[in-house]
């Protein structure tokens, strides 16, 4: 997995945002532009998530999320 710098990620977000703005008004013209627009939105969201994770300095953000076990109470056994 390649590590990206903050500057590279921000540049990629800016590039994608520019492309999205260029296509935004033409989305209704064709199916291909609509598909491209949606793909660019998803790609920009993915890059934003990478940037957010890269900026996070909290060690716990890198660990997988564990579900907290809910304690069973006696009425859970009788509920239908």
PDB file of N, CA and C in Angstrom:
ATOM      1  N   UNK A   1       0.842  -1.173   0.000  1.00  0.00           N
ATOM      2  CA  UNK A   1       0.000   0.000   0.000  1.00  0.00           C
ATOM      3  C   UNK A   1       0.887   1.237   0.000  1.00  0.00           C
ATOM      4  N   UNK A   2       0.658   2.122  -0.947  1.00  0.00           N
ATOM      5  CA  UNK A   2       1.462   3.318  -1.088  1.00  0.00           C
ATOM      6  C   UNK A   2       1.011   4.379  -0.094  1.00  0.00           C
ATOM      7  N   UNK A   3       1.982   5.017   0.529  1.00  0.00           N
ATOM      8  CA  UNK A   3       1.689   6.109   1.445  1.00  0.00           C
ATOM      9  C   UNK A   3       1.682   7.417   0.653  1.00  0.00           C
ATOM     10  N   UNK A   4       0.645   8.203   0.832  1.00  0.00           N
ATOM     11  CA  UNK A   4       0.528   9.480   0.149  1.00  0.00           C
ATOM     12  C   UNK A   4       0.761  10.605   1.148  1.00  0.00           C
ATOM     13  N   UNK A   5       1.377  11.682   0.663  1.00  0.00           N
ATOM     14  CA  UNK A   5       1.568  12.831   1.530  1.00  0.00           C
ATOM     15  C   UNK A   5       0.279  13.648   1.555  1.00  0.00           C
ATOM     16  N   UNK A   6       0.191  14.514   2.518  1.00  0.00           N
ATOM     17  CA  UNK A   6      -0.994  15.360   2.656  1.00  0.00           C
ATOM     18  C   UNK A   6      -1.156  16.261   1.430  1.00  0.00           C
ATOM     19  N   UNK A   7      -0.039  16.727   0.914  1.00  0.00           N
ATOM     20  CA  UNK A   7      -0.090  17.625  -0.245  1.00  0.00           C
ATOM     21  C   UNK A   7      -0.604  16.882  -1.477  1.00  0.00           C
ATOM     22  N   UNK A   8      -0.144  15.654  -1.685  1.00  0.00           N
ATOM     23  CA  UNK A   8      -0.608  14.866  -2.832  1.00  0.00           C
ATOM     24  C   UNK A   8      -2.107  14.583  -2.729  1.00  0.00           C
ATOM     25  N   UNK A   9      -2.568  14.239  -1.534  1.00  0.00           N
ATOM     26  CA  UNK A   9      -3.985  13.951  -1.342  1.00  0.00           C
ATOM     27  C   UNK A   9      -4.835  15.201  -1.554  1.00  0.00           C
ATOM     28  N   UNK A  10      -4.385  16.335  -1.038  1.00  0.00           N
ATOM     29  CA  UNK A  10      -5.136  17.583  -1.205  1.00  0.00           C
ATOM     30  C   UNK A  10      -5.158  18.003  -2.672  1.00  0.00           C
ATOM     31  N   UNK A  11      -4.061  17.794  -3.375  1.00  0.00           N
ATOM     32  CA  UNK A  11      -4.005  18.101  -4.809  1.00  0.00           C
ATOM     33  C   UNK A  11      -4.978  17.227  -5.581  1.00  0.00           C
ATOM     34  N   UNK A  12      -5.052  15.959  -5.216  1.00  0.00           N
ATOM     35  CA  UNK A  12      -5.976  15.033  -5.870  1.00  0.00           C
ATOM     36  C   UNK A  12      -7.425  15.434  -5.603  1.00  0.00           C
ATOM     37  N   UNK A  13      -7.729  15.852  -4.387  1.00  0.00           N
ATOM     38  CA  UNK A  13      -9.085  16.312  -4.045  1.00  0.00           C
ATOM     39  C   UNK A  13      -9.438  17.548  -4.868  1.00  0.00           C
ATOM     40  N   UNK A  14      -8.502  18.471  -4.993  1.00  0.00           N
ATOM     41  CA  UNK A  14      -8.753  19.683  -5.781  1.00  0.00           C
ATOM     42  C   UNK A  14      -8.977  19.355  -7.255  1.00  0.00           C
ATOM     43  N   UNK A  15      -8.203  18.422  -7.790  1.00  0.00           N
ATOM     44  CA  UNK A  15      -8.348  18.021  -9.183  1.00  0.00           C
ATOM     45  C   UNK A  15      -9.723  17.392  -9.423  1.00  0.00           C
ATOM     46  N   UNK A  16     -10.110  16.492  -8.520  1.00  0.00           N
ATOM     47  CA  UNK A  16     -11.413  15.837  -8.648  1.00  0.00           C
ATOM     48  C   UNK A  16     -12.564  16.831  -8.491  1.00  0.00           C
ATOM     49  N   UNK A  17     -12.420  17.766  -7.564  1.00  0.00           N
ATOM     50  CA  UNK A  17     -13.458  18.785  -7.369  1.00  0.00           C
ATOM     51  C   UNK A  17     -13.618  19.643  -8.617  1.00  0.00           C
ATOM     52  N   UNK A  18     -12.502  19.986  -9.251  1.00  0.00           N
ATOM     53  CA  UNK A  18     -12.553  20.770 -10.477  1.00  0.00           C
ATOM     54  C   UNK A  18     -13.282  19.997 -11.583  1.00  0.00           C
ATOM     55  N   UNK A  19     -12.955  18.722 -11.721  1.00  0.00           N
ATOM     56  CA  UNK A  19     -13.613  17.902 -12.738  1.00  0.00           C
ATOM     57  C   UNK A  19     -15.106  17.755 -12.462  1.00  0.00           C
ATOM     58  N   UNK A  20     -15.454  17.601 -11.193  1.00  0.00           N
ATOM     59  CA  UNK A  20     -16.866  17.481 -10.817  1.00  0.00           C
ATOM     60  C   UNK A  20     -17.623  18.762 -11.175  1.00  0.00           C
ATOM     61  N   UNK A  21     -17.027  19.909 -10.895  1.00  0.00           N
ATOM     62  CA  UNK A  21     -17.665  21.188 -11.212  1.00  0.00           C
ATOM     63  C   UNK A  21     -17.840  21.360 -12.716  1.00  0.00           C
ATOM     64  N   UNK A  22     -16.893  20.870 -13.505  1.00  0.00           N
ATOM     65  CA  UNK A  22     -16.991  20.979 -14.956  1.00  0.00           C
ATOM     66  C   UNK A  22     -18.143  20.134 -15.502  1.00  0.00           C
ATOM     67  N   UNK A  23     -18.375  18.975 -14.907  1.00  0.00           N
ATOM     68  CA  UNK A  23     -19.380  18.037 -15.402  1.00  0.00           C
ATOM     69  C   UNK A  23     -20.759  18.296 -14.797  1.00  0.00           C
ATOM     70  N   UNK A  24     -20.798  18.966 -13.665  1.00  0.00           N
ATOM     71  CA  UNK A  24     -22.042  19.109 -12.893  1.00  0.00           C
ATOM     72  C   UNK A  24     -23.233  19.588 -13.728  1.00  0.00           C
ATOM     73  N   UNK A  25     -23.043  20.570 -14.572  1.00  0.00           N
ATOM     74  CA  UNK A  25     -24.157  21.135 -15.339  1.00  0.00           C
ATOM     75  C   UNK A  25     -24.562  20.257 -16.522  1.00  0.00           C
ATOM     76  N   UNK A  26     -23.717  19.310 -16.904  1.00  0.00           N
ATOM     77  CA  UNK A  26     -23.981  18.483 -18.084  1.00  0.00           C
ATOM     78  C   UNK A  26     -24.415  17.064 -17.736  1.00  0.00           C
ATOM     79  N   UNK A  27     -24.668  16.796 -16.465  1.00  0.00           N
ATOM     80  CA  UNK A  27     -24.985  15.442 -16.003  1.00  0.00           C
ATOM     81  C   UNK A  27     -26.235  14.889 -16.679  1.00  0.00           C
ATOM     82  N   UNK A  28     -27.231  15.721 -16.899  1.00  0.00           N
ATOM     83  CA  UNK A  28     -28.497  15.257 -17.463  1.00  0.00           C
ATOM     84  C   UNK A  28     -28.435  15.018 -18.970  1.00  0.00           C
ATOM     85  N   UNK A  29     -27.352  15.425 -19.616  1.00  0.00           N
ATOM     86  CA  UNK A  29     -27.265  15.312 -21.070  1.00  0.00           C
ATOM     87  C   UNK A  29     -27.077  13.876 -21.553  1.00  0.00           C
ATOM     88  N   UNK A  30     -26.291  13.088 -20.832  1.00  0.00           N
ATOM     89  CA  UNK A  30     -26.062  11.716 -21.289  1.00  0.00           C
ATOM     90  C   UNK A  30     -25.825  10.784 -20.108  1.00  0.00           C
ATOM     91  N   UNK A  31     -26.016   9.515 -20.381  1.00  0.00           N
ATOM     92  CA  UNK A  31     -25.831   8.493 -19.350  1.00  0.00           C
ATOM     93  C   UNK A  31     -24.354   8.368 -18.977  1.00  0.00           C
ATOM     94  N   UNK A  32     -23.458   8.504 -19.961  1.00  0.00           N
ATOM     95  CA  UNK A  32     -22.020   8.380 -19.718  1.00  0.00           C
ATOM     96  C   UNK A  32     -21.513   9.472 -18.786  1.00  0.00           C
ATOM     97  N   UNK A  33     -21.990  10.698 -18.990  1.00  0.00           N
ATOM     98  CA  UNK A  33     -21.593  11.792 -18.102  1.00  0.00           C
ATOM     99  C   UNK A  33     -22.118  11.585 -16.692  1.00  0.00           C
ATOM    100  N   UNK A  34     -23.311  11.031 -16.569  1.00  0.00           N
ATOM    101  CA  UNK A  34     -23.881  10.738 -15.260  1.00  0.00           C
ATOM    102  C   UNK A  34     -23.042   9.691 -14.536  1.00  0.00           C
ATOM    103  N   UNK A  35     -22.627   8.658 -15.257  1.00  0.00           N
ATOM    104  CA  UNK A  35     -21.789   7.614 -14.661  1.00  0.00           C
ATOM    105  C   UNK A  35     -20.430   8.189 -14.258  1.00  0.00           C
ATOM    106  N   UNK A  36     -19.843   9.020 -15.124  1.00  0.00           N
ATOM    107  CA  UNK A  36     -18.553   9.643 -14.820  1.00  0.00           C
ATOM    108  C   UNK A  36     -18.659  10.548 -13.603  1.00  0.00           C
ATOM    109  N   UNK A  37     -19.736  11.330 -13.530  1.00  0.00           N
ATOM    110  CA  UNK A  37     -19.965  12.225 -12.395  1.00  0.00           C
ATOM    111  C   UNK A  37     -20.047  11.443 -11.090  1.00  0.00           C
ATOM    112  N   UNK A  38     -20.813  10.359 -11.086  1.00  0.00           N
ATOM    113  CA  UNK A  38     -20.945   9.541  -9.881  1.00  0.00           C
ATOM    114  C   UNK A  38     -19.622   8.880  -9.497  1.00  0.00           C
ATOM    115  N   UNK A  39     -18.857   8.428 -10.497  1.00  0.00           N
ATOM    116  CA  UNK A  39     -17.563   7.804 -10.223  1.00  0.00           C
ATOM    117  C   UNK A  39     -16.602   8.818  -9.605  1.00  0.00           C
ATOM    118  N   UNK A  40     -16.610  10.053 -10.123  1.00  0.00           N
ATOM    119  CA  UNK A  40     -15.746  11.098  -9.576  1.00  0.00           C
ATOM    120  C   UNK A  40     -16.128  11.451  -8.144  1.00  0.00           C
ATOM    121  N   UNK A  41     -17.430  11.489  -7.852  1.00  0.00           N
ATOM    122  CA  UNK A  41     -17.873  11.772  -6.476  1.00  0.00           C
ATOM    123  C   UNK A  41     -17.386  10.695  -5.508  1.00  0.00           C
ATOM    124  N   UNK A  42     -17.492   9.443  -5.928  1.00  0.00           N
ATOM    125  CA  UNK A  42     -17.052   8.333  -5.076  1.00  0.00           C
ATOM    126  C   UNK A  42     -15.544   8.369  -4.893  1.00  0.00           C
ATOM    127  N   UNK A  43     -14.827   8.647  -5.969  1.00  0.00           N
ATOM    128  CA  UNK A  43     -13.368   8.705  -5.883  1.00  0.00           C
ATOM    129  C   UNK A  43     -12.919   9.844  -4.975  1.00  0.00           C
ATOM    130  N   UNK A  44     -13.579  11.007  -5.064  1.00  0.00           N
ATOM    131  CA  UNK A  44     -13.221  12.135  -4.198  1.00  0.00           C
ATOM    132  C   UNK A  44     -13.507  11.812  -2.736  1.00  0.00           C
ATOM    133  N   UNK A  45     -14.618  11.139  -2.467  1.00  0.00           N
ATOM    134  CA  UNK A  45     -14.935  10.750  -1.086  1.00  0.00           C
ATOM    135  C   UNK A  45     -13.885   9.782  -0.555  1.00  0.00           C
ATOM    136  N   UNK A  46     -13.419   8.878  -1.402  1.00  0.00           N
ATOM    137  CA  UNK A  46     -12.395   7.921  -0.994  1.00  0.00           C
ATOM    138  C   UNK A  46     -11.078   8.636  -0.667  1.00  0.00           C
ATOM    139  N   UNK A  47     -10.698   9.604  -1.482  1.00  0.00           N
ATOM    140  CA  UNK A  47      -9.458  10.350  -1.247  1.00  0.00           C
ATOM    141  C   UNK A  47      -9.595  11.207   0.011  1.00  0.00           C
ATOM    142  N   UNK A  48     -10.774  11.789   0.231  1.00  0.00           N
ATOM    143  CA  UNK A  48     -10.993  12.566   1.456  1.00  0.00           C
ATOM    144  C   UNK A  48     -10.850  11.695   2.703  1.00  0.00           C
ATOM    145  N   UNK A  49     -11.338  10.469   2.612  1.00  0.00           N
ATOM    146  CA  UNK A  49     -11.217   9.546   3.737  1.00  0.00           C
ATOM    147  C   UNK A  49      -9.747   9.209   3.998  1.00  0.00           C
ATOM    148  N   UNK A  50      -8.984   9.002   2.925  1.00  0.00           N
ATOM    149  CA  UNK A  50      -7.549   8.743   3.073  1.00  0.00           C
ATOM    150  C   UNK A  50      -6.852   9.912   3.752  1.00  0.00           C
ATOM    151  N   UNK A  51      -7.213  11.135   3.351  1.00  0.00           N
ATOM    152  CA  UNK A  51      -6.612  12.327   3.937  1.00  0.00           C
ATOM    153  C   UNK A  51      -6.968  12.434   5.412  1.00  0.00           C
ATOM    154  N   UNK A  52      -8.205  12.166   5.750  1.00  0.00           N
ATOM    155  CA  UNK A  52      -8.639  12.230   7.151  1.00  0.00           C
ATOM    156  C   UNK A  52      -7.891  11.207   7.994  1.00  0.00           C
ATOM    157  N   UNK A  53      -7.709   9.993   7.453  1.00  0.00           N
ATOM    158  CA  UNK A  53      -6.972   8.962   8.177  1.00  0.00           C
ATOM    159  C   UNK A  53      -5.502   9.328   8.312  1.00  0.00           C
ATOM    160  N   UNK A  54      -4.940   9.956   7.283  1.00  0.00           N
ATOM    161  CA  UNK A  54      -3.537  10.342   7.322  1.00  0.00           C
ATOM    162  C   UNK A  54      -3.306  11.463   8.335  1.00  0.00           C
ATOM    163  N   UNK A  55      -4.282  12.334   8.500  1.00  0.00           N
ATOM    164  CA  UNK A  55      -4.151  13.445   9.447  1.00  0.00           C
ATOM    165  C   UNK A  55      -4.376  13.007  10.890  1.00  0.00           C
ATOM    166  N   UNK A  56      -5.045  11.881  11.055  1.00  0.00           N
ATOM    167  CA  UNK A  56      -5.335  11.411  12.398  1.00  0.00           C
ATOM    168  C   UNK A  56      -4.058  10.909  13.059  1.00  0.00           C
ATOM    169  N   UNK A  57      -3.778  11.413  14.205  1.00  0.00           N
ATOM    170  CA  UNK A  57      -2.575  11.010  14.922  1.00  0.00           C
ATOM    171  C   UNK A  57      -2.892  10.080  16.091  1.00  0.00           C
ATOM    172  N   UNK A  58      -4.154   9.785  16.271  1.00  0.00           N
ATOM    173  CA  UNK A  58      -4.591   8.930  17.359  1.00  0.00           C
ATOM    174  C   UNK A  58      -4.290   7.473  17.012  1.00  0.00           C
ATOM    175  N   UNK A  59      -3.572   6.777  17.868  1.00  0.00           N
ATOM    176  CA  UNK A  59      -3.197   5.393  17.620  1.00  0.00           C
ATOM    177  C   UNK A  59      -4.414   4.490  17.541  1.00  0.00           C
ATOM    178  N   UNK A  60      -5.475   4.827  18.248  1.00  0.00           N
ATOM    179  CA  UNK A  60      -6.665   3.984  18.269  1.00  0.00           C
ATOM    180  C   UNK A  60      -7.433   4.051  16.947  1.00  0.00           C
ATOM    181  N   UNK A  61      -7.199   5.064  16.136  1.00  0.00           N
ATOM    182  CA  UNK A  61      -7.892   5.152  14.849  1.00  0.00           C
ATOM    183  C   UNK A  61      -7.391   4.094  13.876  1.00  0.00           C
ATOM    184  N   UNK A  62      -6.190   3.571  14.113  1.00  0.00           N
ATOM    185  CA  UNK A  62      -5.644   2.544  13.229  1.00  0.00           C
ATOM    186  C   UNK A  62      -6.077   1.141  13.629  1.00  0.00           C
ATOM    187  N   UNK A  63      -6.551   0.972  14.837  1.00  0.00           N
ATOM    188  CA  UNK A  63      -6.984  -0.333  15.302  1.00  0.00           C
ATOM    189  C   UNK A  63      -8.397  -0.616  14.825  1.00  0.00           C
ATOM    190  N   UNK A  64      -8.708  -1.872  14.567  1.00  0.00           N
ATOM    191  CA  UNK A  64     -10.076  -2.180  14.126  1.00  0.00           C
ATOM    192  C   UNK A  64     -11.079  -1.873  15.230  1.00  0.00           C
ATOM    193  N   UNK A  65     -12.263  -1.519  14.804  1.00  0.00           N
ATOM    194  CA  UNK A  65     -13.319  -1.205  15.772  1.00  0.00           C
ATOM    195  C   UNK A  65     -13.921  -2.498  16.316  1.00  0.00           C
ATOM    196  N   UNK A  66     -13.960  -2.586  17.621  1.00  0.00           N
ATOM    197  CA  UNK A  66     -14.539  -3.758  18.261  1.00  0.00           C
ATOM    198  C   UNK A  66     -15.898  -3.390  18.826  1.00  0.00           C
ATOM    199  N   UNK A  67     -16.845  -4.293  18.636  1.00  0.00           N
ATOM    200  CA  UNK A  67     -18.174  -4.068  19.198  1.00  0.00           C
ATOM    201  C   UNK A  67     -18.129  -4.376  20.677  1.00  0.00           C
ATOM    202  N   UNK A  68     -18.753  -3.526  21.413  1.00  0.00           N
ATOM    203  CA  UNK A  68     -18.859  -3.746  22.841  1.00  0.00           C
ATOM    204  C   UNK A  68     -19.965  -4.761  23.084  1.00  0.00           C
ATOM    205  N   UNK A  69     -19.651  -5.806  23.828  1.00  0.00           N
ATOM    206  CA  UNK A  69     -20.663  -6.813  24.105  1.00  0.00           C
ATOM    207  C   UNK A  69     -21.696  -6.245  25.062  1.00  0.00           C
ATOM    208  N   UNK A  70     -22.938  -6.449  24.665  1.00  0.00           N
ATOM    209  CA  UNK A  70     -24.018  -5.982  25.511  1.00  0.00           C
ATOM    210  C   UNK A  70     -24.278  -7.028  26.581  1.00  0.00           C
ATOM    211  N   UNK A  71     -24.344  -6.575  27.807  1.00  0.00           N
ATOM    212  CA  UNK A  71     -24.598  -7.474  28.914  1.00  0.00           C
ATOM    213  C   UNK A  71     -26.036  -7.956  28.868  1.00  0.00           C
ATOM    214  N   UNK A  72     -26.220  -9.241  28.985  1.00  0.00           N
ATOM    215  CA  UNK A  72     -27.581  -9.791  28.985  1.00  0.00           C
ATOM    216  C   UNK A  72     -28.182  -9.671  30.378  1.00  0.00           C
ATOM    217  N   UNK A  73     -29.431  -9.319  30.365  1.00  0.00           N
ATOM    218  CA  UNK A  73     -30.155  -9.270  31.643  1.00  0.00           C
ATOM    219  C   UNK A  73     -31.215 -10.360  31.601  1.00  0.00           C
ATOM    220  N   UNK A  74     -31.752 -10.659  32.733  1.00  0.00           N
ATOM    221  CA  UNK A  74     -32.646 -11.823  32.857  1.00  0.00           C
ATOM    222  C   UNK A  74     -33.911 -11.687  31.999  1.00  0.00           C
ATOM    223  N   UNK A  75     -34.394 -10.489  31.806  1.00  0.00           N
ATOM    224  CA  UNK A  75     -35.617 -10.339  31.006  1.00  0.00           C
ATOM    225  C   UNK A  75     -35.362 -10.636  29.536  1.00  0.00           C
ATOM    226  N   UNK A  76     -34.082 -10.611  29.063  1.00  0.00           N
ATOM    227  CA  UNK A  76     -33.786 -10.961  27.680  1.00  0.00           C
ATOM    228  C   UNK A  76     -34.103 -12.425  27.377  1.00  0.00           C
ATOM    229  N   UNK A  77     -34.002 -13.269  28.381  1.00  0.00           N
ATOM    230  CA  UNK A  77     -34.262 -14.677  28.166  1.00  0.00           C
ATOM    231  C   UNK A  77     -35.753 -14.977  28.011  1.00  0.00           C
ATOM    232  N   UNK A  78     -36.595 -14.115  28.525  1.00  0.00           N
ATOM    233  CA  UNK A  78     -38.029 -14.336  28.479  1.00  0.00           C
ATOM    234  C   UNK A  78     -38.724 -13.510  27.397  1.00  0.00           C
ATOM    235  N   UNK A  79     -38.000 -12.625  26.762  1.00  0.00           N
ATOM    236  CA  UNK A  79     -38.609 -11.798  25.706  1.00  0.00           C
ATOM    237  C   UNK A  79     -38.828 -12.637  24.447  1.00  0.00           C
ATOM    238  N   UNK A  80     -39.940 -12.385  23.772  1.00  0.00           N
ATOM    239  CA  UNK A  80     -40.234 -13.133  22.553  1.00  0.00           C
ATOM    240  C   UNK A  80     -40.151 -12.250  21.354  1.00  0.00           C
TER     241      UNK A  80
END
